[in-house]
């Protein structure tokens, strides 16, 4: 539907040693644009999207995870994103993540970049 940019924050339990499943709660704010006037989506031109979500991640390999996050956008509709998260370790406890995902309700691909402080 167009492009957008935003920021967010999440916190949770990262079970690196105890198990393969971790969970987080978070929020994000995205300024989205709709470049195609004929596209019928939940996003109007230049809309601000405030999302509250719960995210689960499952460890596939050492730094690769499958993520799924149901959430509510602008307190008006539900969204579900699913994708992958890959973490590039910077130090023993800090890492940079890249998270390509697909938002099912909005029917758009999204890419999130993350800074992690819990990689030990």
N, C-alpha and C. Protein backbone atom coordinates (compact mmCIF):
# COMPACT_ATOMS: atom_id res chain seq x y z
N UNK A 1 0.81 -1.20 0.00
CA UNK A 1 0.00 0.00 0.00
C UNK A 1 0.85 1.25 0.00
N UNK A 2 2.11 1.15 0.26
CA UNK A 2 2.98 2.32 0.32
C UNK A 2 4.13 2.06 1.27
N UNK A 3 4.74 3.12 1.72
CA UNK A 3 5.87 2.99 2.63
C UNK A 3 5.53 3.64 3.96
N UNK A 4 6.34 3.34 4.93
CA UNK A 4 6.14 3.92 6.24
C UNK A 4 7.41 3.81 7.05
N UNK A 5 7.45 4.54 8.13
CA UNK A 5 8.60 4.49 9.02
C UNK A 5 8.10 4.72 10.43
N UNK A 6 8.74 4.09 11.39
CA UNK A 6 8.29 4.25 12.76
C UNK A 6 9.30 3.74 13.75
N UNK A 7 8.85 3.58 14.99
CA UNK A 7 9.70 3.09 16.06
C UNK A 7 8.83 2.30 17.03
N UNK A 8 9.48 1.53 17.89
CA UNK A 8 8.74 0.75 18.87
C UNK A 8 9.66 0.23 19.95
N UNK A 9 9.03 -0.44 20.92
CA UNK A 9 9.78 -1.00 22.02
C UNK A 9 9.06 -2.27 22.49
N UNK A 10 9.85 -3.28 22.83
CA UNK A 10 9.26 -4.50 23.39
C UNK A 10 10.15 -5.03 24.50
N UNK A 11 9.53 -5.74 25.41
CA UNK A 11 10.24 -6.35 26.54
C UNK A 11 9.61 -7.71 26.79
N UNK A 12 10.42 -8.62 27.32
CA UNK A 12 9.87 -9.94 27.60
C UNK A 12 10.90 -10.90 28.14
N UNK A 13 10.60 -12.17 27.96
CA UNK A 13 11.43 -13.25 28.47
C UNK A 13 12.14 -13.93 27.31
N UNK A 14 13.46 -13.78 27.26
CA UNK A 14 14.25 -14.41 26.20
C UNK A 14 14.90 -15.65 26.79
N UNK A 15 14.35 -16.81 26.48
CA UNK A 15 14.83 -18.08 27.05
C UNK A 15 15.92 -18.69 26.17
N UNK A 16 17.09 -18.09 26.20
CA UNK A 16 18.17 -18.59 25.35
C UNK A 16 18.67 -19.96 25.80
N UNK A 17 18.78 -20.19 27.09
CA UNK A 17 19.32 -21.45 27.58
C UNK A 17 18.23 -22.42 28.02
N UNK A 18 17.14 -21.89 28.55
CA UNK A 18 16.11 -22.75 29.13
C UNK A 18 15.24 -23.43 28.08
N UNK A 19 14.99 -22.82 26.96
CA UNK A 19 14.10 -23.40 25.97
C UNK A 19 14.14 -22.65 24.66
N UNK A 20 13.35 -23.11 23.71
CA UNK A 20 13.36 -22.52 22.38
C UNK A 20 12.28 -21.45 22.19
N UNK A 21 11.33 -21.33 23.12
CA UNK A 21 10.25 -20.38 22.97
C UNK A 21 10.45 -19.18 23.89
N UNK A 22 10.26 -17.97 23.35
CA UNK A 22 10.33 -16.74 24.13
C UNK A 22 9.10 -15.90 23.81
N UNK A 23 8.76 -14.99 24.70
CA UNK A 23 7.60 -14.14 24.46
C UNK A 23 7.91 -12.70 24.87
N UNK A 24 7.20 -11.76 24.23
CA UNK A 24 7.42 -10.34 24.45
C UNK A 24 6.08 -9.62 24.37
N UNK A 25 5.99 -8.45 24.99
CA UNK A 25 4.89 -7.52 24.75
C UNK A 25 5.53 -6.23 24.27
N UNK A 26 4.81 -5.52 23.41
CA UNK A 26 5.42 -4.31 22.87
C UNK A 26 4.41 -3.36 22.28
N UNK A 27 4.94 -2.25 21.84
CA UNK A 27 4.15 -1.22 21.16
C UNK A 27 4.99 -0.63 20.05
N UNK A 28 4.31 -0.17 19.00
CA UNK A 28 5.01 0.50 17.91
C UNK A 28 4.14 1.62 17.36
N UNK A 29 4.80 2.62 16.81
CA UNK A 29 4.11 3.72 16.13
C UNK A 29 4.72 3.85 14.75
N UNK A 30 3.87 3.78 13.73
CA UNK A 30 4.33 3.84 12.34
C UNK A 30 3.57 4.93 11.62
N UNK A 31 4.31 5.75 10.87
CA UNK A 31 3.69 6.73 9.99
C UNK A 31 3.65 6.10 8.61
N UNK A 32 2.45 5.74 8.16
CA UNK A 32 2.28 4.99 6.91
C UNK A 32 1.71 5.89 5.84
N UNK A 33 2.08 5.59 4.61
CA UNK A 33 1.54 6.30 3.46
C UNK A 33 0.88 5.33 2.51
N UNK A 34 -0.17 5.75 1.86
CA UNK A 34 -0.87 4.92 0.88
C UNK A 34 -0.68 5.58 -0.47
N UNK A 35 0.17 4.97 -1.31
CA UNK A 35 0.48 5.55 -2.61
C UNK A 35 -0.54 5.20 -3.68
N UNK A 36 -1.38 4.21 -3.44
CA UNK A 36 -2.32 3.75 -4.44
C UNK A 36 -3.74 4.07 -3.96
N UNK A 37 -4.40 4.99 -4.60
CA UNK A 37 -5.73 5.42 -4.17
C UNK A 37 -6.79 4.33 -4.38
N UNK A 38 -6.52 3.38 -5.29
CA UNK A 38 -7.49 2.33 -5.58
C UNK A 38 -7.40 1.15 -4.62
N UNK A 39 -6.32 1.08 -3.82
CA UNK A 39 -6.15 -0.01 -2.88
C UNK A 39 -7.09 0.16 -1.70
N UNK A 40 -7.87 -0.87 -1.41
CA UNK A 40 -8.80 -0.82 -0.28
C UNK A 40 -8.15 -1.52 0.90
N UNK A 41 -7.60 -0.72 1.82
CA UNK A 41 -6.96 -1.26 3.01
C UNK A 41 -7.45 -0.48 4.21
N UNK A 42 -6.94 -0.88 5.38
CA UNK A 42 -7.27 -0.17 6.61
C UNK A 42 -6.38 1.05 6.81
N UNK A 43 -5.49 1.35 5.87
CA UNK A 43 -4.56 2.44 6.00
C UNK A 43 -4.94 3.54 5.02
N UNK A 44 -5.33 4.71 5.52
CA UNK A 44 -5.59 5.86 4.66
C UNK A 44 -4.29 6.59 4.40
N UNK A 45 -4.32 7.60 3.54
CA UNK A 45 -3.12 8.34 3.20
C UNK A 45 -2.53 9.02 4.43
N UNK A 46 -1.23 8.83 4.65
CA UNK A 46 -0.47 9.46 5.73
C UNK A 46 -1.12 9.28 7.10
N UNK A 47 -1.39 8.05 7.46
CA UNK A 47 -2.02 7.74 8.74
C UNK A 47 -0.97 7.29 9.75
N UNK A 48 -1.19 7.61 11.02
CA UNK A 48 -0.35 7.14 12.10
C UNK A 48 -0.98 5.89 12.69
N UNK A 49 -0.19 4.82 12.77
CA UNK A 49 -0.68 3.54 13.28
C UNK A 49 0.00 3.25 14.62
N UNK A 50 -0.77 3.17 15.68
CA UNK A 50 -0.28 2.83 17.01
C UNK A 50 -0.72 1.40 17.31
N UNK A 51 0.25 0.53 17.54
CA UNK A 51 -0.03 -0.90 17.71
C UNK A 51 0.46 -1.38 19.07
N UNK A 52 -0.37 -2.17 19.75
CA UNK A 52 0.01 -2.90 20.95
C UNK A 52 -0.05 -4.37 20.60
N UNK A 53 1.00 -5.14 20.94
CA UNK A 53 1.06 -6.53 20.48
C UNK A 53 1.73 -7.43 21.51
N UNK A 54 1.51 -8.72 21.31
CA UNK A 54 2.21 -9.79 22.03
C UNK A 54 2.97 -10.56 20.96
N UNK A 55 4.24 -10.86 21.21
CA UNK A 55 5.05 -11.56 20.21
C UNK A 55 5.62 -12.83 20.80
N UNK A 56 5.53 -13.91 20.05
CA UNK A 56 6.17 -15.16 20.42
C UNK A 56 7.26 -15.44 19.42
N UNK A 57 8.37 -15.99 19.89
CA UNK A 57 9.44 -16.38 18.97
C UNK A 57 9.91 -17.78 19.30
N UNK A 58 10.23 -18.52 18.25
CA UNK A 58 10.69 -19.90 18.39
C UNK A 58 12.06 -20.02 17.73
N UNK A 59 13.01 -20.55 18.44
CA UNK A 59 14.39 -20.65 17.97
C UNK A 59 14.53 -21.78 16.96
N UNK A 60 15.00 -21.45 15.74
CA UNK A 60 15.27 -22.45 14.71
C UNK A 60 16.73 -22.88 14.72
N UNK A 61 17.64 -21.91 14.69
CA UNK A 61 19.08 -22.16 14.78
C UNK A 61 19.66 -21.19 15.80
N UNK A 62 20.97 -21.09 15.83
CA UNK A 62 21.64 -20.30 16.85
C UNK A 62 21.19 -18.83 16.88
N UNK A 63 20.97 -18.20 15.73
CA UNK A 63 20.59 -16.79 15.70
C UNK A 63 19.32 -16.54 14.88
N UNK A 64 18.63 -17.59 14.44
CA UNK A 64 17.45 -17.45 13.58
C UNK A 64 16.20 -17.91 14.33
N UNK A 65 15.14 -17.08 14.28
CA UNK A 65 13.91 -17.34 15.02
C UNK A 65 12.71 -17.14 14.10
N UNK A 66 11.64 -17.88 14.35
CA UNK A 66 10.34 -17.63 13.73
C UNK A 66 9.56 -16.79 14.73
N UNK A 67 8.91 -15.70 14.25
CA UNK A 67 8.15 -14.83 15.14
C UNK A 67 6.71 -14.73 14.66
N UNK A 68 5.81 -14.57 15.60
CA UNK A 68 4.39 -14.32 15.32
C UNK A 68 3.88 -13.34 16.36
N UNK A 69 3.16 -12.32 15.89
CA UNK A 69 2.68 -11.30 16.84
C UNK A 69 1.28 -10.82 16.49
N UNK A 70 0.30 -11.26 17.28
CA UNK A 70 -1.03 -10.66 17.17
C UNK A 70 -1.07 -9.35 17.95
N UNK A 71 -1.84 -8.40 17.44
CA UNK A 71 -1.92 -7.11 18.12
C UNK A 71 -3.15 -6.34 17.70
N UNK A 72 -3.32 -5.19 18.31
CA UNK A 72 -4.45 -4.31 18.00
C UNK A 72 -3.88 -2.97 17.52
N UNK A 73 -4.42 -2.48 16.40
CA UNK A 73 -3.94 -1.25 15.78
C UNK A 73 -4.96 -0.14 15.99
N UNK A 74 -4.51 0.99 16.52
CA UNK A 74 -5.35 2.17 16.77
C UNK A 74 -6.63 1.83 17.54
N UNK A 75 -6.60 0.79 18.34
CA UNK A 75 -7.75 0.32 19.11
C UNK A 75 -8.98 0.10 18.23
N UNK A 76 -8.75 -0.22 16.94
CA UNK A 76 -9.88 -0.37 16.03
C UNK A 76 -9.91 -1.69 15.28
N UNK A 77 -8.75 -2.32 15.02
CA UNK A 77 -8.78 -3.61 14.34
C UNK A 77 -7.57 -4.45 14.76
N UNK A 78 -7.70 -5.75 14.58
CA UNK A 78 -6.64 -6.69 14.94
C UNK A 78 -5.71 -6.89 13.76
N UNK A 79 -4.43 -7.08 14.07
CA UNK A 79 -3.41 -7.35 13.07
C UNK A 79 -2.63 -8.57 13.52
N UNK A 80 -2.15 -9.35 12.58
CA UNK A 80 -1.31 -10.50 12.88
C UNK A 80 -0.12 -10.46 11.95
N UNK A 81 1.09 -10.41 12.51
CA UNK A 81 2.31 -10.44 11.72
C UNK A 81 3.05 -11.73 11.98
N UNK A 82 3.62 -12.29 10.93
CA UNK A 82 4.44 -13.48 11.06
C UNK A 82 5.68 -13.31 10.19
N UNK A 83 6.80 -13.82 10.67
CA UNK A 83 8.03 -13.66 9.91
C UNK A 83 9.21 -14.35 10.57
N UNK A 84 10.40 -13.90 10.22
CA UNK A 84 11.65 -14.43 10.75
C UNK A 84 12.42 -13.31 11.43
N UNK A 85 13.25 -13.67 12.39
CA UNK A 85 14.14 -12.71 13.07
C UNK A 85 15.53 -13.32 13.07
N UNK A 86 16.50 -12.56 12.56
CA UNK A 86 17.90 -12.99 12.60
C UNK A 86 18.68 -11.97 13.42
N UNK A 87 19.49 -12.46 14.36
CA UNK A 87 20.24 -11.61 15.27
C UNK A 87 21.73 -11.69 14.91
N UNK A 88 22.34 -10.53 14.65
CA UNK A 88 23.78 -10.42 14.46
C UNK A 88 24.38 -10.02 15.80
N UNK A 89 25.15 -10.91 16.45
CA UNK A 89 25.73 -10.55 17.75
C UNK A 89 26.82 -9.49 17.60
N UNK A 90 26.75 -8.46 18.45
CA UNK A 90 27.77 -7.41 18.48
C UNK A 90 28.73 -7.68 19.63
N UNK A 91 28.18 -7.91 20.82
CA UNK A 91 28.96 -8.33 21.98
C UNK A 91 28.25 -9.54 22.57
N UNK A 92 28.67 -9.92 23.78
CA UNK A 92 28.05 -11.08 24.43
C UNK A 92 26.59 -10.83 24.81
N UNK A 93 26.22 -9.57 25.08
CA UNK A 93 24.85 -9.27 25.50
C UNK A 93 24.10 -8.33 24.56
N UNK A 94 24.75 -7.77 23.55
CA UNK A 94 24.11 -6.83 22.62
C UNK A 94 24.12 -7.42 21.21
N UNK A 95 23.01 -7.25 20.52
CA UNK A 95 22.91 -7.72 19.15
C UNK A 95 22.01 -6.83 18.32
N UNK A 96 22.17 -6.92 17.02
CA UNK A 96 21.32 -6.19 16.08
C UNK A 96 20.51 -7.21 15.31
N UNK A 97 19.20 -7.00 15.27
CA UNK A 97 18.32 -7.95 14.60
C UNK A 97 17.66 -7.36 13.38
N UNK A 98 17.36 -8.22 12.43
CA UNK A 98 16.58 -7.85 11.26
C UNK A 98 15.39 -8.80 11.22
N UNK A 99 14.21 -8.25 11.00
CA UNK A 99 12.98 -9.04 11.12
C UNK A 99 12.03 -8.75 9.96
N UNK A 100 12.16 -9.49 8.84
CA UNK A 100 11.16 -9.37 7.78
C UNK A 100 9.89 -10.13 8.17
N UNK A 101 8.74 -9.52 7.94
CA UNK A 101 7.47 -10.14 8.34
C UNK A 101 6.38 -9.74 7.35
N UNK A 102 5.23 -10.38 7.49
CA UNK A 102 4.07 -10.08 6.67
C UNK A 102 2.90 -9.75 7.59
N UNK A 103 2.26 -8.60 7.38
CA UNK A 103 1.09 -8.18 8.14
C UNK A 103 -0.15 -8.64 7.40
N UNK A 104 -0.90 -9.56 7.98
CA UNK A 104 -2.01 -10.20 7.27
C UNK A 104 -3.19 -9.28 7.02
N UNK A 105 -3.61 -8.46 7.99
CA UNK A 105 -4.76 -7.59 7.79
C UNK A 105 -4.48 -6.47 6.80
N UNK A 106 -3.29 -5.89 6.89
CA UNK A 106 -2.94 -4.80 5.98
C UNK A 106 -2.43 -5.30 4.64
N UNK A 107 -2.06 -6.59 4.58
CA UNK A 107 -1.55 -7.22 3.37
C UNK A 107 -0.30 -6.51 2.85
N UNK A 108 0.66 -6.30 3.75
CA UNK A 108 1.92 -5.66 3.40
C UNK A 108 3.09 -6.40 4.04
N UNK A 109 4.24 -6.33 3.39
CA UNK A 109 5.47 -6.82 3.98
C UNK A 109 6.10 -5.70 4.79
N UNK A 110 6.63 -6.04 5.95
CA UNK A 110 7.30 -5.07 6.80
C UNK A 110 8.69 -5.60 7.15
N UNK A 111 9.61 -4.69 7.40
CA UNK A 111 10.95 -5.06 7.83
C UNK A 111 11.25 -4.25 9.08
N UNK A 112 11.54 -4.94 10.17
CA UNK A 112 11.89 -4.30 11.43
C UNK A 112 13.37 -4.50 11.69
N UNK A 113 14.02 -3.48 12.18
CA UNK A 113 15.40 -3.58 12.66
C UNK A 113 15.35 -3.42 14.17
N UNK A 114 16.10 -4.24 14.89
CA UNK A 114 16.04 -4.28 16.35
C UNK A 114 17.43 -4.11 16.95
N UNK A 115 17.48 -3.54 18.12
CA UNK A 115 18.68 -3.51 18.95
C UNK A 115 18.34 -4.29 20.21
N UNK A 116 19.05 -5.39 20.46
CA UNK A 116 18.76 -6.30 21.58
C UNK A 116 19.80 -6.14 22.67
N UNK A 117 19.33 -6.23 23.92
CA UNK A 117 20.23 -6.12 25.07
C UNK A 117 20.16 -7.36 25.95
N UNK A 118 19.84 -8.53 25.39
CA UNK A 118 19.64 -9.72 26.23
C UNK A 118 20.16 -10.98 25.55
N UNK A 119 21.37 -10.92 25.03
CA UNK A 119 21.86 -12.06 24.26
C UNK A 119 22.75 -13.01 25.05
N UNK A 120 22.85 -12.88 26.33
CA UNK A 120 23.71 -13.79 27.07
C UNK A 120 23.11 -15.14 27.27
